[in-house]
N, C-alpha and C. Protein backbone atom coordinates (compact mmCIF):
# COMPACT_ATOMS: atom_id res chain seq x y z
N ASP A 1 146.36 124.88 126.87
CA ASP A 1 145.38 124.17 128.28
C ASP A 1 144.16 124.07 127.73
N HIS A 2 143.62 125.17 127.34
CA HIS A 2 142.23 125.59 127.09
C HIS A 2 141.56 124.70 125.58
N LEU A 3 141.62 123.29 125.61
CA LEU A 3 141.58 122.72 124.58
C LEU A 3 140.02 122.14 124.24
N PRO A 4 138.87 122.37 123.37
CA PRO A 4 137.79 121.95 123.16
C PRO A 4 137.89 120.72 124.08
N SER A 5 138.46 119.67 123.71
CA SER A 5 138.65 118.24 124.21
C SER A 5 139.11 118.00 125.89
N LYS A 6 139.82 118.63 126.32
CA LYS A 6 139.68 118.95 127.52
C LYS A 6 138.26 119.36 128.18
N LEU A 7 137.78 120.36 127.94
CA LEU A 7 136.93 120.59 128.56
C LEU A 7 135.29 119.73 128.75
N PHE A 8 135.36 119.04 127.27
CA PHE A 8 134.96 117.87 126.81
C PHE A 8 134.61 116.21 127.98
N GLU A 9 136.18 116.47 128.15
CA GLU A 9 136.84 115.53 129.05
C GLU A 9 136.16 115.69 130.36
N ALA A 10 136.77 116.89 131.04
CA ALA A 10 135.96 117.33 132.34
C ALA A 10 134.82 117.32 132.52
N VAL A 11 133.64 117.56 131.25
CA VAL A 11 132.19 117.80 131.48
C VAL A 11 131.73 116.39 131.60
N TYR A 12 132.23 115.52 131.57
CA TYR A 12 131.66 113.92 131.82
C TYR A 12 132.76 113.38 132.80
N LYS A 13 133.40 113.63 133.13
CA LYS A 13 134.55 113.36 133.97
C LYS A 13 133.90 113.50 135.14
N LEU A 14 133.89 114.63 135.65
CA LEU A 14 134.23 115.29 136.83
C LEU A 14 132.91 115.65 137.46
N PRO A 15 132.75 115.49 139.37
CA PRO A 15 131.91 115.09 139.79
C PRO A 15 131.45 117.46 139.71
N ASN A 16 132.26 118.23 139.87
CA ASN A 16 131.66 119.53 140.05
C ASN A 16 131.67 120.58 138.78
N ILE A 17 130.48 120.41 138.15
CA ILE A 17 131.28 121.64 136.92
C ILE A 17 129.80 122.81 137.19
N LYS A 18 130.28 124.35 137.28
CA LYS A 18 129.94 125.18 136.80
C LYS A 18 130.39 125.96 136.18
N ILE A 19 128.39 126.18 135.48
CA ILE A 19 128.75 127.08 134.16
C ILE A 19 127.76 128.25 134.42
N LEU A 20 128.27 129.09 133.98
CA LEU A 20 127.90 130.60 134.81
C LEU A 20 127.62 131.39 133.40
N PHE A 21 126.26 131.64 132.87
CA PHE A 21 125.91 132.27 132.01
C PHE A 21 126.30 133.96 132.66
N ARG A 22 125.36 134.56 132.14
CA ARG A 22 125.46 136.76 132.85
C ARG A 22 124.98 136.34 133.72
N THR A 23 125.00 137.19 134.93
CA THR A 23 124.08 137.10 136.17
C THR A 23 124.29 138.74 136.37
N ASP A 24 123.77 138.78 137.63
CA ASP A 24 124.08 140.14 138.29
C ASP A 24 125.10 139.29 139.66
N LYS A 25 125.60 140.79 139.82
CA LYS A 25 126.89 140.54 140.07
C LYS A 25 126.61 140.18 142.03
N GLY A 26 125.89 139.91 142.50
CA GLY A 26 124.78 139.37 143.55
C GLY A 26 125.04 137.93 143.75
N CYS A 27 124.53 137.66 142.88
CA CYS A 27 124.48 136.15 142.33
C CYS A 27 125.83 135.48 142.11
N LEU A 28 126.64 136.19 142.10
CA LEU A 28 128.16 135.72 141.46
C LEU A 28 128.84 135.79 142.71
N GLN A 29 128.81 136.61 143.55
CA GLN A 29 129.29 136.58 144.75
C GLN A 29 129.25 134.77 145.34
N LEU A 30 128.32 134.38 145.11
CA LEU A 30 128.00 133.26 145.69
C LEU A 30 128.80 131.94 145.44
N PHE A 31 129.50 132.14 144.04
CA PHE A 31 130.31 131.48 143.72
C PHE A 31 131.79 131.34 143.62
N GLY A 32 132.71 132.43 144.62
CA GLY A 32 133.85 132.35 145.00
C GLY A 32 134.33 133.08 143.70
N LEU A 33 133.58 133.71 143.02
CA LEU A 33 134.77 134.37 141.99
C LEU A 33 135.46 135.51 142.21
N ASN A 34 137.04 135.75 141.68
CA ASN A 34 137.60 136.71 142.63
C ASN A 34 136.64 137.96 141.29
N SER A 35 137.43 139.44 141.95
CA SER A 35 136.59 140.56 141.36
C SER A 35 136.14 140.65 140.11
N GLU A 36 137.86 139.83 139.54
CA GLU A 36 137.78 140.29 138.28
C GLU A 36 136.97 139.18 137.41
N GLU A 37 137.24 137.85 137.69
CA GLU A 37 136.22 137.10 137.44
C GLU A 37 134.62 137.46 136.97
N GLN A 38 134.32 138.08 138.42
CA GLN A 38 132.63 138.70 138.23
C GLN A 38 132.67 139.27 137.45
N GLU A 39 133.27 140.83 136.85
CA GLU A 39 133.34 141.81 135.80
C GLU A 39 132.83 140.95 134.98
N ALA A 40 133.83 139.93 134.38
CA ALA A 40 133.99 139.25 132.93
C ALA A 40 132.45 138.25 133.44
N VAL A 41 132.02 137.93 134.16
CA VAL A 41 130.69 136.87 133.77
C VAL A 41 129.30 138.08 133.52
N PHE A 42 129.76 138.77 134.45
CA PHE A 42 128.84 139.94 134.23
C PHE A 42 128.34 140.61 133.20
N ASN A 43 130.21 140.80 132.44
CA ASN A 43 129.81 141.66 131.18
C ASN A 43 129.74 140.39 129.87
N GLN A 44 129.36 139.61 130.58
CA GLN A 44 129.35 138.35 129.01
C GLN A 44 128.26 138.62 128.03
N LYS A 45 128.71 138.55 126.92
CA LYS A 45 127.56 138.82 126.01
C LYS A 45 127.05 137.92 125.48
N ARG A 46 125.71 137.94 125.04
CA ARG A 46 124.78 136.87 124.58
C ARG A 46 125.82 135.21 124.35
N ARG A 47 125.49 134.20 124.75
CA ARG A 47 125.68 133.07 124.26
C ARG A 47 127.08 132.93 125.13
N ARG A 48 127.20 133.79 126.03
CA ARG A 48 129.17 133.19 126.73
C ARG A 48 128.69 132.82 127.93
N ALA A 49 129.76 132.08 128.21
CA ALA A 49 129.61 131.24 129.50
C ALA A 49 131.28 131.07 129.94
N LEU A 50 131.24 130.86 131.20
CA LEU A 50 132.26 130.43 132.17
C LEU A 50 132.34 129.40 132.29
N VAL A 51 133.02 128.52 132.70
CA VAL A 51 132.89 126.70 133.33
C VAL A 51 133.60 126.63 133.60
N ILE A 52 133.72 125.93 135.25
CA ILE A 52 134.52 126.06 136.54
C ILE A 52 134.46 125.04 136.81
N ASP A 53 135.91 124.13 135.98
CA ASP A 53 136.12 122.58 136.80
C ASP A 53 136.54 122.57 138.36
N GLY A 54 135.64 122.06 139.32
CA GLY A 54 134.98 122.26 140.85
C GLY A 54 136.78 121.72 141.10
N VAL A 55 137.13 120.58 140.56
CA VAL A 55 138.13 120.03 141.16
C VAL A 55 139.15 120.42 141.40
N ASN A 56 139.65 120.92 140.54
CA ASN A 56 141.30 121.29 139.77
C ASN A 56 140.91 122.88 139.88
N ALA A 57 139.86 123.78 139.44
CA ALA A 57 139.87 125.00 139.31
C ALA A 57 139.99 125.67 138.42
N ARG A 58 140.62 124.53 137.08
CA ARG A 58 140.22 124.92 135.85
C ARG A 58 139.60 126.13 134.91
N ARG A 59 139.20 126.75 134.38
CA ARG A 59 138.47 127.95 133.90
C ARG A 59 138.43 127.65 132.56
N PHE A 60 137.21 127.85 131.73
CA PHE A 60 136.91 127.96 130.16
C PHE A 60 135.95 128.94 130.37
N SER A 61 136.33 129.46 128.99
CA SER A 61 135.55 130.56 127.99
C SER A 61 134.58 129.67 126.89
N ILE A 62 133.26 129.45 127.25
CA ILE A 62 132.58 129.03 125.44
C ILE A 62 131.71 130.07 125.23
N HIS A 63 131.34 129.80 123.75
CA HIS A 63 130.49 130.41 123.55
C HIS A 63 129.28 129.31 123.02
N THR A 64 127.83 129.31 123.16
CA THR A 64 127.11 128.35 123.02
C THR A 64 126.43 128.40 121.90
N MET A 65 126.20 127.40 120.28
CA MET A 65 126.43 127.66 119.20
C MET A 65 124.49 128.00 119.65
N GLU A 66 123.93 128.75 118.67
CA GLU A 66 122.68 129.31 118.03
C GLU A 66 121.90 127.96 117.91
N TYR A 67 120.45 127.31 118.34
CA TYR A 67 119.96 126.82 118.16
C TYR A 67 118.43 127.05 117.97
N HIS A 68 117.55 126.27 117.19
CA HIS A 68 116.53 127.04 116.73
C HIS A 68 116.00 125.53 117.23
N HIS A 69 115.05 125.31 117.55
CA HIS A 69 113.93 124.43 118.07
C HIS A 69 112.74 123.89 116.81
N LYS A 70 112.71 123.50 116.48
CA LYS A 70 111.73 122.86 115.23
C LYS A 70 110.10 122.50 116.14
N GLN A 71 109.71 122.53 115.98
CA GLN A 71 108.06 122.33 116.93
C GLN A 71 107.08 121.20 115.78
N SER A 72 107.35 120.09 116.37
CA SER A 72 106.97 118.91 115.45
C SER A 72 105.62 119.13 114.79
N GLU A 73 104.76 118.70 113.78
CA GLU A 73 103.91 118.90 113.15
C GLU A 73 103.21 117.41 113.84
N ASP A 74 102.18 117.75 114.29
CA ASP A 74 100.87 116.75 114.98
C ASP A 74 99.83 116.53 114.05
């Protein structure tokens, strides 16, 4: 059920998506996460995120890719 294709479908079809990167616990309480989820997001490593499908409450853990932006030479 946690396949990338399902996540992609959710991201472009659903009106309510939350993407949570590591943040402090006070901020995490605003998102209605249970204590286990709050602890997991608080301790996430760099470039990791919790994606919450706001319609049916499915949760996905993702790892973002490393992206290096090249400046254009004008």
